[in-house]
């Protein structure tokens, strides 16, 4: 039972931090990957249309 409580406490501490790093803010992983892939598609379509 104490292991379960310890795991739950660990999740409560780390989950908000992980959500903040992945989804919130200007330098988030989600924002950076969206910018990267949109630029990649833009370059690929530029060479495809050319």
PDB file of N, CA and C in Angstrom:
ATOM      1  N   UNK A   1       0.822  -1.196   0.000  1.00  0.00           N
ATOM      2  CA  UNK A   1       0.000   0.000   0.000  1.00  0.00           C
ATOM      3  C   UNK A   1       0.863   1.255   0.000  1.00  0.00           C
ATOM      4  N   UNK A   2       1.972   1.216   0.723  1.00  0.00           N
ATOM      5  CA  UNK A   2       2.827   2.401   0.784  1.00  0.00           C
ATOM      6  C   UNK A   2       3.511   2.659  -0.556  1.00  0.00           C
ATOM      7  N   UNK A   3       3.778   1.592  -1.325  1.00  0.00           N
ATOM      8  CA  UNK A   3       4.366   1.785  -2.655  1.00  0.00           C
ATOM      9  C   UNK A   3       3.374   2.484  -3.578  1.00  0.00           C
ATOM     10  N   UNK A   4       2.111   2.127  -3.469  1.00  0.00           N
ATOM     11  CA  UNK A   4       1.079   2.757  -4.281  1.00  0.00           C
ATOM     12  C   UNK A   4       0.962   4.244  -3.956  1.00  0.00           C
ATOM     13  N   UNK A   5       0.998   4.568  -2.693  1.00  0.00           N
ATOM     14  CA  UNK A   5       0.936   5.971  -2.275  1.00  0.00           C
ATOM     15  C   UNK A   5       2.161   6.727  -2.774  1.00  0.00           C
ATOM     16  N   UNK A   6       3.327   6.096  -2.704  1.00  0.00           N
ATOM     17  CA  UNK A   6       4.548   6.742  -3.180  1.00  0.00           C
ATOM     18  C   UNK A   6       4.484   7.004  -4.682  1.00  0.00           C
ATOM     19  N   UNK A   7       3.955   6.057  -5.435  1.00  0.00           N
ATOM     20  CA  UNK A   7       3.825   6.244  -6.887  1.00  0.00           C
ATOM     21  C   UNK A   7       2.833   7.360  -7.187  1.00  0.00           C
ATOM     22  N   UNK A   8       1.731   7.415  -6.471  1.00  0.00           N
ATOM     23  CA  UNK A   8       0.745   8.471  -6.683  1.00  0.00           C
ATOM     24  C   UNK A   8       1.313   9.847  -6.360  1.00  0.00           C
ATOM     25  N   UNK A   9       2.075   9.943  -5.291  1.00  0.00           N
ATOM     26  CA  UNK A   9       2.712  11.212  -4.932  1.00  0.00           C
ATOM     27  C   UNK A   9       3.705  11.625  -6.008  1.00  0.00           C
ATOM     28  N   UNK A  10       4.459  10.678  -6.515  1.00  0.00           N
ATOM     29  CA  UNK A  10       5.417  10.969  -7.581  1.00  0.00           C
ATOM     30  C   UNK A  10       4.703  11.461  -8.838  1.00  0.00           C
ATOM     31  N   UNK A  11       3.577  10.844  -9.186  1.00  0.00           N
ATOM     32  CA  UNK A  11       2.802  11.289 -10.343  1.00  0.00           C
ATOM     33  C   UNK A  11       2.244  12.693 -10.148  1.00  0.00           C
ATOM     34  N   UNK A  12       1.770  12.981  -8.957  1.00  0.00           N
ATOM     35  CA  UNK A  12       1.215  14.306  -8.672  1.00  0.00           C
ATOM     36  C   UNK A  12       2.289  15.379  -8.796  1.00  0.00           C
ATOM     37  N   UNK A  13       3.520  15.041  -8.443  1.00  0.00           N
ATOM     38  CA  UNK A  13       4.609  16.015  -8.534  1.00  0.00           C
ATOM     39  C   UNK A  13       5.103  16.161  -9.970  1.00  0.00           C
ATOM     40  N   UNK A  14       5.282  15.062 -10.683  1.00  0.00           N
ATOM     41  CA  UNK A  14       5.921  15.133 -11.998  1.00  0.00           C
ATOM     42  C   UNK A  14       4.961  15.445 -13.145  1.00  0.00           C
ATOM     43  N   UNK A  15       3.699  15.094 -13.031  1.00  0.00           N
ATOM     44  CA  UNK A  15       2.766  15.310 -14.137  1.00  0.00           C
ATOM     45  C   UNK A  15       2.580  16.786 -14.493  1.00  0.00           C
ATOM     46  N   UNK A  16       2.375  17.683 -13.544  1.00  0.00           N
ATOM     47  CA  UNK A  16       2.261  19.102 -13.925  1.00  0.00           C
ATOM     48  C   UNK A  16       3.538  19.649 -14.555  1.00  0.00           C
ATOM     49  N   UNK A  17       4.686  19.191 -14.099  1.00  0.00           N
ATOM     50  CA  UNK A  17       5.946  19.639 -14.696  1.00  0.00           C
ATOM     51  C   UNK A  17       6.066  19.154 -16.131  1.00  0.00           C
ATOM     52  N   UNK A  18       5.702  17.905 -16.376  1.00  0.00           N
ATOM     53  CA  UNK A  18       5.785  17.354 -17.727  1.00  0.00           C
ATOM     54  C   UNK A  18       4.809  18.055 -18.667  1.00  0.00           C
ATOM     55  N   UNK A  19       3.615  18.328 -18.203  1.00  0.00           N
ATOM     56  CA  UNK A  19       2.629  19.032 -19.031  1.00  0.00           C
ATOM     57  C   UNK A  19       3.117  20.437 -19.343  1.00  0.00           C
ATOM     58  N   UNK A  20       3.720  21.090 -18.359  1.00  0.00           N
ATOM     59  CA  UNK A  20       4.231  22.441 -18.560  1.00  0.00           C
ATOM     60  C   UNK A  20       5.343  22.458 -19.596  1.00  0.00           C
ATOM     61  N   UNK A  21       6.249  21.502 -19.533  1.00  0.00           N
ATOM     62  CA  UNK A  21       7.366  21.458 -20.480  1.00  0.00           C
ATOM     63  C   UNK A  21       6.888  21.088 -21.877  1.00  0.00           C
ATOM     64  N   UNK A  22       5.951  20.151 -21.977  1.00  0.00           N
ATOM     65  CA  UNK A  22       5.520  19.667 -23.290  1.00  0.00           C
ATOM     66  C   UNK A  22       4.561  20.614 -24.004  1.00  0.00           C
ATOM     67  N   UNK A  23       3.613  21.206 -23.295  1.00  0.00           N
ATOM     68  CA  UNK A  23       2.514  21.895 -23.965  1.00  0.00           C
ATOM     69  C   UNK A  23       2.422  23.394 -23.715  1.00  0.00           C
ATOM     70  N   UNK A  24       2.999  23.907 -22.657  1.00  0.00           N
ATOM     71  CA  UNK A  24       2.806  25.315 -22.314  1.00  0.00           C
ATOM     72  C   UNK A  24       4.036  26.138 -22.673  1.00  0.00           C
ATOM     73  N   UNK A  25       3.836  27.412 -22.838  1.00  0.00           N
ATOM     74  CA  UNK A  25       4.949  28.326 -23.051  1.00  0.00           C
ATOM     75  C   UNK A  25       5.381  28.426 -24.502  1.00  0.00           C
ATOM     76  N   UNK A  26       6.274  29.374 -24.761  1.00  0.00           N
ATOM     77  CA  UNK A  26       6.725  29.607 -26.132  1.00  0.00           C
ATOM     78  C   UNK A  26       7.785  28.606 -26.560  1.00  0.00           C
ATOM     79  N   UNK A  27       8.558  28.093 -25.636  1.00  0.00           N
ATOM     80  CA  UNK A  27       9.625  27.144 -25.960  1.00  0.00           C
ATOM     81  C   UNK A  27       9.227  25.712 -25.639  1.00  0.00           C
ATOM     82  N   UNK A  28       7.963  25.402 -25.756  1.00  0.00           N
ATOM     83  CA  UNK A  28       7.508  24.052 -25.441  1.00  0.00           C
ATOM     84  C   UNK A  28       7.907  23.086 -26.545  1.00  0.00           C
ATOM     85  N   UNK A  29       7.943  21.827 -26.208  1.00  0.00           N
ATOM     86  CA  UNK A  29       8.300  20.791 -27.178  1.00  0.00           C
ATOM     87  C   UNK A  29       7.258  20.737 -28.292  1.00  0.00           C
ATOM     88  N   UNK A  30       5.997  20.871 -27.933  1.00  0.00           N
ATOM     89  CA  UNK A  30       4.925  20.834 -28.929  1.00  0.00           C
ATOM     90  C   UNK A  30       5.037  22.003 -29.902  1.00  0.00           C
ATOM     91  N   UNK A  31       5.292  23.191 -29.385  1.00  0.00           N
ATOM     92  CA  UNK A  31       5.430  24.359 -30.249  1.00  0.00           C
ATOM     93  C   UNK A  31       6.637  24.269 -31.160  1.00  0.00           C
ATOM     94  N   UNK A  32       7.742  23.788 -30.614  1.00  0.00           N
ATOM     95  CA  UNK A  32       8.957  23.660 -31.424  1.00  0.00           C
ATOM     96  C   UNK A  32       8.782  22.620 -32.522  1.00  0.00           C
ATOM     97  N   UNK A  33       8.167  21.493 -32.208  1.00  0.00           N
ATOM     98  CA  UNK A  33       7.980  20.461 -33.231  1.00  0.00           C
ATOM     99  C   UNK A  33       6.960  20.910 -34.279  1.00  0.00           C
ATOM    100  N   UNK A  34       5.947  21.661 -33.872  1.00  0.00           N
ATOM    101  CA  UNK A  34       4.982  22.184 -34.841  1.00  0.00           C
ATOM    102  C   UNK A  34       5.652  23.147 -35.806  1.00  0.00           C
ATOM    103  N   UNK A  35       6.504  24.031 -35.277  1.00  0.00           N
ATOM    104  CA  UNK A  35       7.239  24.959 -36.146  1.00  0.00           C
ATOM    105  C   UNK A  35       8.152  24.214 -37.101  1.00  0.00           C
ATOM    106  N   UNK A  36       8.844  23.206 -36.569  1.00  0.00           N
ATOM    107  CA  UNK A  36       9.786  22.445 -37.383  1.00  0.00           C
ATOM    108  C   UNK A  36       9.078  21.740 -38.532  1.00  0.00           C
ATOM    109  N   UNK A  37       7.982  21.031 -38.221  1.00  0.00           N
ATOM    110  CA  UNK A  37       7.307  20.265 -39.261  1.00  0.00           C
ATOM    111  C   UNK A  37       6.568  21.164 -40.249  1.00  0.00           C
ATOM    112  N   UNK A  38       6.061  22.292 -39.801  1.00  0.00           N
ATOM    113  CA  UNK A  38       5.414  23.198 -40.754  1.00  0.00           C
ATOM    114  C   UNK A  38       6.437  23.793 -41.706  1.00  0.00           C
ATOM    115  N   UNK A  39       7.614  24.104 -41.209  1.00  0.00           N
ATOM    116  CA  UNK A  39       8.689  24.603 -42.084  1.00  0.00           C
ATOM    117  C   UNK A  39       9.157  23.503 -43.036  1.00  0.00           C
ATOM    118  N   UNK A  40       9.246  22.275 -42.547  1.00  0.00           N
ATOM    119  CA  UNK A  40       9.660  21.151 -43.382  1.00  0.00           C
ATOM    120  C   UNK A  40       8.663  20.910 -44.520  1.00  0.00           C
ATOM    121  N   UNK A  41       7.377  20.969 -44.213  1.00  0.00           N
ATOM    122  CA  UNK A  41       6.349  20.795 -45.244  1.00  0.00           C
ATOM    123  C   UNK A  41       6.397  21.946 -46.240  1.00  0.00           C
ATOM    124  N   UNK A  42       6.644  23.148 -45.741  1.00  0.00           N
ATOM    125  CA  UNK A  42       6.748  24.307 -46.627  1.00  0.00           C
ATOM    126  C   UNK A  42       7.892  24.139 -47.616  1.00  0.00           C
ATOM    127  N   UNK A  43       9.038  23.683 -47.144  1.00  0.00           N
ATOM    128  CA  UNK A  43      10.198  23.475 -48.020  1.00  0.00           C
ATOM    129  C   UNK A  43       9.925  22.337 -49.003  1.00  0.00           C
ATOM    130  N   UNK A  44       9.320  21.260 -48.530  1.00  0.00           N
ATOM    131  CA  UNK A  44       9.042  20.115 -49.406  1.00  0.00           C
ATOM    132  C   UNK A  44       8.051  20.485 -50.506  1.00  0.00           C
ATOM    133  N   UNK A  45       7.028  21.243 -50.173  1.00  0.00           N
ATOM    134  CA  UNK A  45       6.067  21.642 -51.202  1.00  0.00           C
ATOM    135  C   UNK A  45       6.667  22.668 -52.146  1.00  0.00           C
ATOM    136  N   UNK A  46       7.584  23.476 -51.674  1.00  0.00           N
ATOM    137  CA  UNK A  46       8.251  24.446 -52.548  1.00  0.00           C
ATOM    138  C   UNK A  46       9.037  23.721 -53.639  1.00  0.00           C
ATOM    139  N   UNK A  47       9.778  22.689 -53.243  1.00  0.00           N
ATOM    140  CA  UNK A  47      10.550  21.938 -54.233  1.00  0.00           C
ATOM    141  C   UNK A  47       9.656  21.057 -55.096  1.00  0.00           C
ATOM    142  N   UNK A  48       8.498  20.656 -54.587  1.00  0.00           N
ATOM    143  CA  UNK A  48       7.585  19.840 -55.371  1.00  0.00           C
ATOM    144  C   UNK A  48       6.868  20.645 -56.446  1.00  0.00           C
ATOM    145  N   UNK A  49       6.564  21.901 -56.156  1.00  0.00           N
ATOM    146  CA  UNK A  49       5.844  22.756 -57.097  1.00  0.00           C
ATOM    147  C   UNK A  49       6.786  23.319 -58.144  1.00  0.00           C
ATOM    148  N   UNK A  50       8.009  23.484 -57.782  1.00  0.00           N
ATOM    149  CA  UNK A  50       9.009  24.114 -58.636  1.00  0.00           C
ATOM    150  C   UNK A  50       9.264  23.412 -59.881  1.00  0.00           C
TER     151      UNK A  50
END
